[in-house]
Amino acid sequence: MAFATNKHAFGICDITGFRYKLKDMKMTWDGFLVGPDQWSPKQPQLQRKPTPLDPQALKISRPDATSDNNFFSVYTNVGDGILGTTLQTFAINVSVGELEVTTS
């Protein structure tokens, strides 16, 4: 198969439809064959940012021996304390102050 070369090779711009010499035409980043006056480089905003790598888990991990984790308790009043110990009732005494109301 023979292709046209040099002065006999022309191409049609995909944007404007004008005829250009094929050796002067350029391919855009999205696949259009355009004339030299229509070509522009790819905008940097269209390029994806590199995503940071996720931190890797330790192959053999052990809890800290100094932490006993006995300070945390979960209370519930549903059923028999499925989440933890059943909450026992307790009394609270609160005083705000005295109030005097006079009507005339």
PDB file of N, CA and C in Angstrom:
ATOM      1  N   MET A   1       0.853  -1.166   0.000  1.00  0.00           N
ATOM      2  CA  MET A   1       0.000   0.000   0.000  1.00  0.00           C
ATOM      3  C   MET A   1       0.895   1.225   0.000  1.00  0.00           C
ATOM      4  N   ALA A   2       0.606   2.145  -0.857  1.00  0.00           N
ATOM      5  CA  ALA A   2       1.418   3.352  -0.994  1.00  0.00           C
ATOM      6  C   ALA A   2       0.745   4.513  -0.286  1.00  0.00           C
ATOM      7  N   PHE A   3       1.547   5.335   0.340  1.00  0.00           N
ATOM      8  CA  PHE A   3       1.048   6.528   1.016  1.00  0.00           C
ATOM      9  C   PHE A   3       1.608   7.754   0.316  1.00  0.00           C
ATOM     10  N   ALA A   4       0.836   8.828   0.354  1.00  0.00           N
ATOM     11  CA  ALA A   4       1.304  10.081  -0.234  1.00  0.00           C
ATOM     12  C   ALA A   4       2.377  10.681   0.666  1.00  0.00           C
ATOM     13  N   THR A   5       3.365  11.293   0.069  1.00  0.00           N
ATOM     14  CA  THR A   5       4.455  11.885   0.842  1.00  0.00           C
ATOM     15  C   THR A   5       4.696  13.307   0.384  1.00  0.00           C
ATOM     16  N   ASN A   6       5.409  14.045   1.210  1.00  0.00           N
ATOM     17  CA  ASN A   6       5.871  15.404   0.939  1.00  0.00           C
ATOM     18  C   ASN A   6       4.765  16.341   0.489  1.00  0.00           C
ATOM     19  N   LYS A   7       4.887  16.914  -0.717  1.00  0.00           N
ATOM     20  CA  LYS A   7       3.951  17.959  -1.141  1.00  0.00           C
ATOM     21  C   LYS A   7       2.578  17.426  -1.509  1.00  0.00           C
ATOM     22  N   HIS A   8       2.421  16.125  -1.659  1.00  0.00           N
ATOM     23  CA  HIS A   8       1.120  15.565  -2.021  1.00  0.00           C
ATOM     24  C   HIS A   8       0.336  15.043  -0.816  1.00  0.00           C
ATOM     25  N   ALA A   9       0.900  15.145   0.385  1.00  0.00           N
ATOM     26  CA  ALA A   9       0.236  14.626   1.583  1.00  0.00           C
ATOM     27  C   ALA A   9      -0.459  15.770   2.311  1.00  0.00           C
ATOM     28  N   PHE A  10      -1.787  15.688   2.346  1.00  0.00           N
ATOM     29  CA  PHE A  10      -2.596  16.685   3.039  1.00  0.00           C
ATOM     30  C   PHE A  10      -3.491  15.988   4.053  1.00  0.00           C
ATOM     31  N   GLY A  11      -3.868  16.731   5.059  1.00  0.00           N
ATOM     32  CA  GLY A  11      -4.791  16.221   6.061  1.00  0.00           C
ATOM     33  C   GLY A  11      -5.817  17.276   6.395  1.00  0.00           C
ATOM     34  N   ILE A  12      -6.949  16.827   6.910  1.00  0.00           N
ATOM     35  CA  ILE A  12      -8.045  17.723   7.302  1.00  0.00           C
ATOM     36  C   ILE A  12      -8.042  17.835   8.823  1.00  0.00           C
ATOM     37  N   CYS A  13      -8.055  19.067   9.291  1.00  0.00           N
ATOM     38  CA  CYS A  13      -8.071  19.332  10.735  1.00  0.00           C
ATOM     39  C   CYS A  13      -9.393  18.851  11.327  1.00  0.00           C
ATOM     40  N   ASP A  14      -9.326  18.126  12.445  1.00  0.00           N
ATOM     41  CA  ASP A  14     -10.531  17.609  13.100  1.00  0.00           C
ATOM     42  C   ASP A  14     -11.322  18.699  13.812  1.00  0.00           C
ATOM     43  N   ILE A  15     -10.724  19.842  14.055  1.00  0.00           N
ATOM     44  CA  ILE A  15     -11.427  20.916  14.755  1.00  0.00           C
ATOM     45  C   ILE A  15     -12.023  21.918  13.771  1.00  0.00           C
ATOM     46  N   THR A  16     -11.205  22.420  12.844  1.00  0.00           N
ATOM     47  CA  THR A  16     -11.669  23.476  11.940  1.00  0.00           C
ATOM     48  C   THR A  16     -12.134  22.963  10.589  1.00  0.00           C
ATOM     49  N   GLY A  17     -11.624  21.804  10.155  1.00  0.00           N
ATOM     50  CA  GLY A  17     -11.966  21.292   8.829  1.00  0.00           C
ATOM     51  C   GLY A  17     -11.091  21.867   7.732  1.00  0.00           C
ATOM     52  N   PHE A  18     -10.078  22.651   8.073  1.00  0.00           N
ATOM     53  CA  PHE A  18      -9.162  23.207   7.080  1.00  0.00           C
ATOM     54  C   PHE A  18      -8.156  22.151   6.640  1.00  0.00           C
ATOM     55  N   ARG A  19      -7.584  22.352   5.460  1.00  0.00           N
ATOM     56  CA  ARG A  19      -6.598  21.429   4.918  1.00  0.00           C
ATOM     57  C   ARG A  19      -5.199  21.947   5.244  1.00  0.00           C
ATOM     58  N   TYR A  20      -4.368  21.056   5.748  1.00  0.00           N
ATOM     59  CA  TYR A  20      -2.990  21.388   6.095  1.00  0.00           C
ATOM     60  C   TYR A  20      -2.076  20.336   5.482  1.00  0.00           C
ATOM     61  N   LYS A  21      -0.801  20.682   5.384  1.00  0.00           N
ATOM     62  CA  LYS A  21       0.183  19.680   5.002  1.00  0.00           C
ATOM     63  C   LYS A  21       0.267  18.670   6.141  1.00  0.00           C
ATOM     64  N   LEU A  22       0.306  17.419   5.782  1.00  0.00           N
ATOM     65  CA  LEU A  22       0.275  16.363   6.783  1.00  0.00           C
ATOM     66  C   LEU A  22       1.506  16.402   7.684  1.00  0.00           C
ATOM     67  N   LYS A  23       2.636  16.822   7.147  1.00  0.00           N
ATOM     68  CA  LYS A  23       3.845  16.881   7.971  1.00  0.00           C
ATOM     69  C   LYS A  23       3.776  17.998   9.007  1.00  0.00           C
ATOM     70  N   ASP A  24       2.900  18.995   8.807  1.00  0.00           N
ATOM     71  CA  ASP A  24       2.751  20.093   9.764  1.00  0.00           C
ATOM     72  C   ASP A  24       1.687  19.811  10.828  1.00  0.00           C
ATOM     73  N   MET A  25       0.843  18.823  10.608  1.00  0.00           N
ATOM     74  CA  MET A  25      -0.247  18.537  11.547  1.00  0.00           C
ATOM     75  C   MET A  25       0.285  17.813  12.776  1.00  0.00           C
ATOM     76  N   LYS A  26      -0.427  17.994  13.880  1.00  0.00           N
ATOM     77  CA  LYS A  26      -0.021  17.384  15.147  1.00  0.00           C
ATOM     78  C   LYS A  26      -1.199  16.632  15.752  1.00  0.00           C
ATOM     79  N   MET A  27      -0.874  15.625  16.553  1.00  0.00           N
ATOM     80  CA  MET A  27      -1.883  14.849  17.255  1.00  0.00           C
ATOM     81  C   MET A  27      -2.040  15.421  18.665  1.00  0.00           C
ATOM     82  N   THR A  28      -3.274  15.721  19.073  1.00  0.00           N
ATOM     83  CA  THR A  28      -3.521  16.235  20.422  1.00  0.00           C
ATOM     84  C   THR A  28      -3.535  15.075  21.410  1.00  0.00           C
ATOM     85  N   TRP A  29      -3.575  15.390  22.693  1.00  0.00           N
ATOM     86  CA  TRP A  29      -3.550  14.373  23.744  1.00  0.00           C
ATOM     87  C   TRP A  29      -4.800  13.511  23.727  1.00  0.00           C
ATOM     88  N   ASP A  30      -5.910  14.027  23.188  1.00  0.00           N
ATOM     89  CA  ASP A  30      -7.144  13.240  23.156  1.00  0.00           C
ATOM     90  C   ASP A  30      -7.415  12.610  21.787  1.00  0.00           C
ATOM     91  N   GLY A  31      -6.410  12.605  20.892  1.00  0.00           N
ATOM     92  CA  GLY A  31      -6.515  11.847  19.652  1.00  0.00           C
ATOM     93  C   GLY A  31      -6.958  12.613  18.433  1.00  0.00           C
ATOM     94  N   PHE A  32      -7.093  13.923  18.492  1.00  0.00           N
ATOM     95  CA  PHE A  32      -7.480  14.708  17.319  1.00  0.00           C
ATOM     96  C   PHE A  32      -6.243  15.047  16.502  1.00  0.00           C
ATOM     97  N   LEU A  33      -6.378  14.987  15.175  1.00  0.00           N
ATOM     98  CA  LEU A  33      -5.312  15.426  14.277  1.00  0.00           C
ATOM     99  C   LEU A  33      -5.653  16.849  13.876  1.00  0.00           C
ATOM    100  N   VAL A  34      -4.811  17.803  14.277  1.00  0.00           N
ATOM    101  CA  VAL A  34      -5.146  19.218  14.096  1.00  0.00           C
ATOM    102  C   VAL A  34      -3.997  19.939  13.421  1.00  0.00           C
ATOM    103  N   GLY A  35      -4.322  21.117  12.902  1.00  0.00           N
ATOM    104  CA  GLY A  35      -3.316  21.976  12.297  1.00  0.00           C
ATOM    105  C   GLY A  35      -2.452  22.616  13.364  1.00  0.00           C
ATOM    106  N   PRO A  36      -1.318  23.207  12.957  1.00  0.00           N
ATOM    107  CA  PRO A  36      -0.414  23.781  13.954  1.00  0.00           C
ATOM    108  C   PRO A  36      -1.015  24.966  14.705  1.00  0.00           C
ATOM    109  N   ASP A  37      -1.980  25.658  14.124  1.00  0.00           N
ATOM    110  CA  ASP A  37      -2.593  26.794  14.825  1.00  0.00           C
ATOM    111  C   ASP A  37      -3.659  26.352  15.829  1.00  0.00           C
ATOM    112  N   GLN A  38      -4.123  25.106  15.765  1.00  0.00           N
ATOM    113  CA  GLN A  38      -5.141  24.604  16.690  1.00  0.00           C
ATOM    114  C   GLN A  38      -4.561  23.740  17.799  1.00  0.00           C
ATOM    115  N   TRP A  39      -3.294  23.371  17.702  1.00  0.00           N
ATOM    116  CA  TRP A  39      -2.692  22.480  18.682  1.00  0.00           C
ATOM    117  C   TRP A  39      -2.370  23.219  19.971  1.00  0.00           C
ATOM    118  N   SER A  40      -2.656  22.596  21.098  1.00  0.00           N
ATOM    119  CA  SER A  40      -2.273  23.124  22.406  1.00  0.00           C
ATOM    120  C   SER A  40      -1.906  21.935  23.298  1.00  0.00           C
ATOM    121  N   PRO A  41      -0.946  22.115  24.187  1.00  0.00           N
ATOM    122  CA  PRO A  41      -0.552  20.995  25.050  1.00  0.00           C
ATOM    123  C   PRO A  41      -1.652  20.677  26.063  1.00  0.00           C
ATOM    124  N   LYS A  42      -1.557  19.508  26.637  1.00  0.00           N
ATOM    125  CA  LYS A  42      -2.538  19.086  27.633  1.00  0.00           C
ATOM    126  C   LYS A  42      -2.424  19.957  28.876  1.00  0.00           C
ATOM    127  N   GLN A  43      -3.565  20.391  29.378  1.00  0.00           N
ATOM    128  CA  GLN A  43      -3.587  21.218  30.577  1.00  0.00           C
ATOM    129  C   GLN A  43      -3.122  20.418  31.781  1.00  0.00           C
ATOM    130  N   PRO A  44      -2.285  20.992  32.634  1.00  0.00           N
ATOM    131  CA  PRO A  44      -1.821  20.259  33.824  1.00  0.00           C
ATOM    132  C   PRO A  44      -2.957  19.902  34.773  1.00  0.00           C
ATOM    133  N   GLN A  45      -4.070  20.650  34.745  1.00  0.00           N
ATOM    134  CA  GLN A  45      -5.188  20.360  35.636  1.00  0.00           C
ATOM    135  C   GLN A  45      -5.881  19.053  35.275  1.00  0.00           C
ATOM    136  N   LEU A  46      -5.706  18.582  34.029  1.00  0.00           N
ATOM    137  CA  LEU A  46      -6.342  17.345  33.600  1.00  0.00           C
ATOM    138  C   LEU A  46      -5.563  16.112  34.028  1.00  0.00           C
ATOM    139  N   GLN A  47      -4.348  16.295  34.494  1.00  0.00           N
ATOM    140  CA  GLN A  47      -3.549  15.158  34.918  1.00  0.00           C
ATOM    141  C   GLN A  47      -3.894  14.795  36.351  1.00  0.00           C
ATOM    142  N   ARG A  48      -3.945  13.520  36.601  1.00  0.00           N
ATOM    143  CA  ARG A  48      -4.308  13.032  37.921  1.00  0.00           C
ATOM    144  C   ARG A  48      -3.173  13.262  38.905  1.00  0.00           C
ATOM    145  N   LYS A  49      -3.545  13.561  40.134  1.00  0.00           N
ATOM    146  CA  LYS A  49      -2.546  13.696  41.183  1.00  0.00           C
ATOM    147  C   LYS A  49      -2.095  12.305  41.592  1.00  0.00           C
ATOM    148  N   PRO A  50      -0.830  12.150  41.886  1.00  0.00           N
ATOM    149  CA  PRO A  50      -0.397  10.838  42.366  1.00  0.00           C
ATOM    150  C   PRO A  50      -0.984  10.573  43.747  1.00  0.00           C
ATOM    151  N   THR A  51      -1.547   9.400  43.904  1.00  0.00           N
ATOM    152  CA  THR A  51      -2.158   9.069  45.184  1.00  0.00           C
ATOM    153  C   THR A  51      -1.085   8.513  46.113  1.00  0.00           C
ATOM    154  N   PRO A  52      -1.095   8.937  47.372  1.00  0.00           N
ATOM    155  CA  PRO A  52      -0.094   8.410  48.303  1.00  0.00           C
ATOM    156  C   PRO A  52      -0.390   6.945  48.616  1.00  0.00           C
ATOM    157  N   LEU A  53       0.647   6.205  48.886  1.00  0.00           N
ATOM    158  CA  LEU A  53       0.479   4.799  49.218  1.00  0.00           C
ATOM    159  C   LEU A  53      -0.107   4.650  50.615  1.00  0.00           C
ATOM    160  N   ASP A  54      -0.914   3.620  50.792  1.00  0.00           N
ATOM    161  CA  ASP A  54      -1.479   3.342  52.104  1.00  0.00           C
ATOM    162  C   ASP A  54      -0.389   2.795  53.015  1.00  0.00           C
ATOM    163  N   PRO A  55      -0.443   3.150  54.290  1.00  0.00           N
ATOM    164  CA  PRO A  55       0.553   2.583  55.201  1.00  0.00           C
ATOM    165  C   PRO A  55       0.330   1.085  55.336  1.00  0.00           C
ATOM    166  N   GLN A  56       1.405   0.346  55.421  1.00  0.00           N
ATOM    167  CA  GLN A  56       1.329  -1.097  55.519  1.00  0.00           C
ATOM    168  C   GLN A  56       1.149  -1.526  56.972  1.00  0.00           C
ATOM    169  N   ALA A  57       0.402  -2.591  57.162  1.00  0.00           N
ATOM    170  CA  ALA A  57       0.212  -3.134  58.502  1.00  0.00           C
ATOM    171  C   ALA A  57       1.438  -3.934  58.918  1.00  0.00           C
ATOM    172  N   LEU A  58       1.627  -4.056  60.200  1.00  0.00           N
ATOM    173  CA  LEU A  58       2.737  -4.853  60.706  1.00  0.00           C
ATOM    174  C   LEU A  58       2.402  -6.333  60.571  1.00  0.00           C
ATOM    175  N   LYS A  59       3.385  -7.120  60.180  1.00  0.00           N
ATOM    176  CA  LYS A  59       3.138  -8.547  59.998  1.00  0.00           C
ATOM    177  C   LYS A  59       2.886  -9.221  61.347  1.00  0.00           C
ATOM    178  N   ILE A  60       3.701  -8.921  62.330  1.00  0.00           N
ATOM    179  CA  ILE A  60       3.513  -9.474  63.672  1.00  0.00           C
ATOM    180  C   ILE A  60       3.315  -8.278  64.609  1.00  0.00           C
ATOM    181  N   SER A  61       2.074  -8.041  64.985  1.00  0.00           N
ATOM    182  CA  SER A  61       1.796  -6.905  65.863  1.00  0.00           C
ATOM    183  C   SER A  61       1.381  -7.419  67.232  1.00  0.00           C
ATOM    184  N   ARG A  62       1.831  -6.738  68.241  1.00  0.00           N
ATOM    185  CA  ARG A  62       1.496  -7.110  69.617  1.00  0.00           C
ATOM    186  C   ARG A  62       1.055  -5.866  70.367  1.00  0.00           C
ATOM    187  N   PRO A  63       0.075  -6.001  71.262  1.00  0.00           N
ATOM    188  CA  PRO A  63      -0.350  -4.842  72.041  1.00  0.00           C
ATOM    189  C   PRO A  63       0.735  -4.420  73.020  1.00  0.00           C
ATOM    190  N   ASP A  64       0.653  -3.183  73.431  1.00  0.00           N
ATOM    191  CA  ASP A  64       1.612  -2.658  74.393  1.00  0.00           C
ATOM    192  C   ASP A  64       1.423  -3.378  75.727  1.00  0.00           C
ATOM    193  N   ALA A  65       2.482  -3.911  76.286  1.00  0.00           N
ATOM    194  CA  ALA A  65       2.388  -4.693  77.525  1.00  0.00           C
ATOM    195  C   ALA A  65       2.067  -3.817  78.726  1.00  0.00           C
ATOM    196  N   THR A  66       2.363  -2.524  78.683  1.00  0.00           N
ATOM    197  CA  THR A  66       2.104  -1.656  79.827  1.00  0.00           C
ATOM    198  C   THR A  66       0.641  -1.241  79.908  1.00  0.00           C
ATOM    199  N   SER A  67      -0.124  -1.379  78.850  1.00  0.00           N
ATOM    200  CA  SER A  67      -1.525  -0.991  78.852  1.00  0.00           C
ATOM    201  C   SER A  67      -2.383  -2.209  79.167  1.00  0.00           C
ATOM    202  N   ASP A  68      -3.189  -2.124  80.239  1.00  0.00           N
ATOM    203  CA  ASP A  68      -4.018  -3.269  80.615  1.00  0.00           C
ATOM    204  C   ASP A  68      -5.455  -3.131  80.099  1.00  0.00           C
ATOM    205  N   ASN A  69      -5.837  -1.981  79.617  1.00  0.00           N
ATOM    206  CA  ASN A  69      -7.171  -1.738  79.044  1.00  0.00           C
ATOM    207  C   ASN A  69      -8.302  -2.067  80.015  1.00  0.00           C
ATOM    208  N   ASN A  70      -8.116  -1.876  81.297  1.00  0.00           N
ATOM    209  CA  ASN A  70      -9.176  -2.134  82.261  1.00  0.00           C
ATOM    210  C   ASN A  70      -9.954  -0.875  82.623  1.00  0.00           C
ATOM    211  N   PHE A  71      -9.649   0.222  82.025  1.00  0.00           N
ATOM    212  CA  PHE A  71     -10.303   1.469  82.384  1.00  0.00           C
ATOM    213  C   PHE A  71     -11.610   1.691  81.629  1.00  0.00           C
ATOM    214  N   PHE A  72     -11.931   0.867  80.659  1.00  0.00           N
ATOM    215  CA  PHE A  72     -13.081   1.111  79.794  1.00  0.00           C
ATOM    216  C   PHE A  72     -14.198   0.133  80.121  1.00  0.00           C
ATOM    217  N   SER A  73     -15.398   0.664  80.378  1.00  0.00           N
ATOM    218  CA  SER A  73     -16.567  -0.173  80.644  1.00  0.00           C
ATOM    219  C   SER A  73     -17.732   0.340  79.825  1.00  0.00           C
ATOM    220  N   VAL A  74     -18.547  -0.564  79.328  1.00  0.00           N
ATOM    221  CA  VAL A  74     -19.734  -0.199  78.569  1.00  0.00           C
ATOM    222  C   VAL A  74     -20.936  -0.618  79.395  1.00  0.00           C
ATOM    223  N   TYR A  75     -21.836   0.328  79.640  1.00  0.00           N
ATOM    224  CA  TYR A  75     -23.032   0.043  80.413  1.00  0.00           C
ATOM    225  C   TYR A  75     -24.234   0.034  79.500  1.00  0.00           C
ATOM    226  N   THR A  76     -25.188  -0.832  79.804  1.00  0.00           N
ATOM    227  CA  THR A  76     -26.419  -0.887  79.029  1.00  0.00           C
ATOM    228  C   THR A  76     -27.563  -1.273  79.953  1.00  0.00           C
ATOM    229  N   ASN A  77     -28.763  -0.872  79.587  1.00  0.00           N
ATOM    230  CA  ASN A  77     -29.939  -1.292  80.336  1.00  0.00           C
ATOM    231  C   ASN A  77     -30.870  -2.095  79.424  1.00  0.00           C
ATOM    232  N   VAL A  78     -30.311  -2.695  78.400  1.00  0.00           N
ATOM    233  CA  VAL A  78     -31.066  -3.530  77.473  1.00  0.00           C
ATOM    234  C   VAL A  78     -30.703  -4.978  77.749  1.00  0.00           C
ATOM    235  N   GLY A  79     -31.675  -5.805  77.987  1.00  0.00           N
ATOM    236  CA  GLY A  79     -31.411  -7.223  78.224  1.00  0.00           C
ATOM    237  C   GLY A  79     -30.587  -7.431  79.473  1.00  0.00           C
ATOM    238  N   ASP A  80     -29.648  -8.334  79.413  1.00  0.00           N
ATOM    239  CA  ASP A  80     -28.800  -8.642  80.557  1.00  0.00           C
ATOM    240  C   ASP A  80     -27.428  -8.003  80.420  1.00  0.00           C
ATOM    241  N   GLY A  81     -27.360  -6.867  79.785  1.00  0.00           N
ATOM    242  CA  GLY A  81     -26.074  -6.197  79.648  1.00  0.00           C
ATOM    243  C   GLY A  81     -25.223  -6.849  78.573  1.00  0.00           C
ATOM    244  N   ILE A  82     -25.766  -6.959  77.382  1.00  0.00           N
ATOM    245  CA  ILE A  82     -25.053  -7.631  76.298  1.00  0.00           C
ATOM    246  C   ILE A  82     -23.747  -6.920  75.982  1.00  0.00           C
ATOM    247  N   LEU A  83     -23.750  -5.590  76.023  1.00  0.00           N
ATOM    248  CA  LEU A  83     -22.547  -4.846  75.699  1.00  0.00           C
ATOM    249  C   LEU A  83     -21.580  -4.746  76.861  1.00  0.00           C
ATOM    250  N   GLY A  84     -22.034  -5.037  78.029  1.00  0.00           N
ATOM    251  CA  GLY A  84     -21.158  -4.891  79.193  1.00  0.00           C
ATOM    252  C   GLY A  84     -21.948  -5.134  80.461  1.00  0.00           C
ATOM    253  N   THR A  85     -21.624  -4.404  81.480  1.00  0.00           N
ATOM    254  CA  THR A  85     -22.288  -4.547  82.765  1.00  0.00           C
ATOM    255  C   THR A  85     -23.600  -3.769  82.751  1.00  0.00           C
ATOM    256  N   THR A  86     -24.639  -4.351  83.354  1.00  0.00           N
ATOM    257  CA  THR A  86     -25.923  -3.668  83.440  1.00  0.00           C
ATOM    258  C   THR A  86     -25.794  -2.459  84.354  1.00  0.00           C
ATOM    259  N   LEU A  87     -26.339  -1.336  83.945  1.00  0.00           N
ATOM    260  CA  LEU A  87     -26.245  -0.095  84.693  1.00  0.00           C
ATOM    261  C   LEU A  87     -27.122  -0.176  85.930  1.00  0.00           C
ATOM    262  N   GLN A  88     -26.517   0.039  87.088  1.00  0.00           N
ATOM    263  CA  GLN A  88     -27.252   0.035  88.352  1.00  0.00           C
ATOM    264  C   GLN A  88     -27.806   1.440  88.590  1.00  0.00           C
ATOM    265  N   THR A  89     -28.961   1.509  89.243  1.00  0.00           N
ATOM    266  CA  THR A  89     -29.556   2.811  89.527  1.00  0.00           C
ATOM    267  C   THR A  89     -28.769   3.516  90.619  1.00  0.00           C
ATOM    268  N   PHE A  90     -28.776   4.795  90.555  1.00  0.00           N
ATOM    269  CA  PHE A  90     -28.082   5.595  91.548  1.00  0.00           C
ATOM    270  C   PHE A  90     -28.861   6.890  91.733  1.00  0.00           C
ATOM    271  N   ALA A  91     -28.585   7.612  92.825  1.00  0.00           N
ATOM    272  CA  ALA A  91     -29.308   8.829  93.159  1.00  0.00           C
ATOM    273  C   ALA A  91     -28.402  10.029  92.965  1.00  0.00           C
ATOM    274  N   ILE A  92     -29.042  11.125  92.514  1.00  0.00           N
ATOM    275  CA  ILE A  92     -28.319  12.379  92.323  1.00  0.00           C
ATOM    276  C   ILE A  92     -29.085  13.475  93.054  1.00  0.00           C
ATOM    277  N   ASN A  93     -28.404  14.243  93.842  1.00  0.00           N
ATOM    278  CA  ASN A  93     -28.996  15.399  94.514  1.00  0.00           C
ATOM    279  C   ASN A  93     -28.396  16.649  93.901  1.00  0.00           C
ATOM    280  N   VAL A  94     -29.295  17.527  93.426  1.00  0.00           N
ATOM    281  CA  VAL A  94     -28.843  18.748  92.777  1.00  0.00           C
ATOM    282  C   VAL A  94     -29.576  19.927  93.427  1.00  0.00           C
ATOM    283  N   SER A  95     -28.835  20.982  93.729  1.00  0.00           N
ATOM    284  CA  SER A  95     -29.490  22.192  94.219  1.00  0.00           C
ATOM    285  C   SER A  95     -28.948  23.376  93.424  1.00  0.00           C
ATOM    286  N   VAL A  96     -29.895  24.226  93.028  1.00  0.00           N
ATOM    287  CA  VAL A  96     -29.521  25.378  92.206  1.00  0.00           C
ATOM    288  C   VAL A  96     -29.466  26.636  93.082  1.00  0.00           C
ATOM    289  N   GLY A  97     -30.358  26.739  94.000  1.00  0.00           N
ATOM    290  CA  GLY A  97     -30.407  27.925  94.840  1.00  0.00           C
ATOM    291  C   GLY A  97     -31.828  28.164  95.301  1.00  0.00           C
ATOM    292  N   GLU A  98     -32.100  29.376  95.797  1.00  0.00           N
ATOM    293  CA  GLU A  98     -33.449  29.697  96.263  1.00  0.00           C
ATOM    294  C   GLU A  98     -34.083  30.699  95.328  1.00  0.00           C
ATOM    295  N   LEU A  99     -35.406  30.643  95.277  1.00  0.00           N
ATOM    296  CA  LEU A  99     -36.166  31.523  94.404  1.00  0.00           C
ATOM    297  C   LEU A  99     -37.298  32.156  95.226  1.00  0.00           C
ATOM    298  N   GLU A 100     -37.412  33.445  95.149  1.00  0.00           N
ATOM    299  CA  GLU A 100     -38.476  34.139  95.862  1.00  0.00           C
ATOM    300  C   GLU A 100     -39.346  34.863  94.838  1.00  0.00           C
ATOM    301  N   VAL A 101     -40.655  34.608  94.865  1.00  0.00           N
ATOM    302  CA  VAL A 101     -41.588  35.218  93.928  1.00  0.00           C
ATOM    303  C   VAL A 101     -42.536  36.087  94.732  1.00  0.00           C
ATOM    304  N   THR A 102     -42.670  37.358  94.345  1.00  0.00           N
ATOM    305  CA  THR A 102     -43.634  38.253  95.005  1.00  0.00           C
ATOM    306  C   THR A 102     -44.573  38.779  93.947  1.00  0.00           C
ATOM    307  N   THR A 103     -45.830  38.817  94.307  1.00  0.00           N
ATOM    308  CA  THR A 103     -46.838  39.378  93.404  1.00  0.00           C
ATOM    309  C   THR A 103     -47.499  40.568  94.070  1.00  0.00           C
ATOM    310  N   SER A 104     -47.828  41.535  93.322  1.00  0.00           N
ATOM    311  CA  SER A 104     -48.486  42.689  93.913  1.00  0.00           C
ATOM    312  C   SER A 104     -49.766  43.026  93.207  1.00  0.00           C
TER     313      SER A 104
END
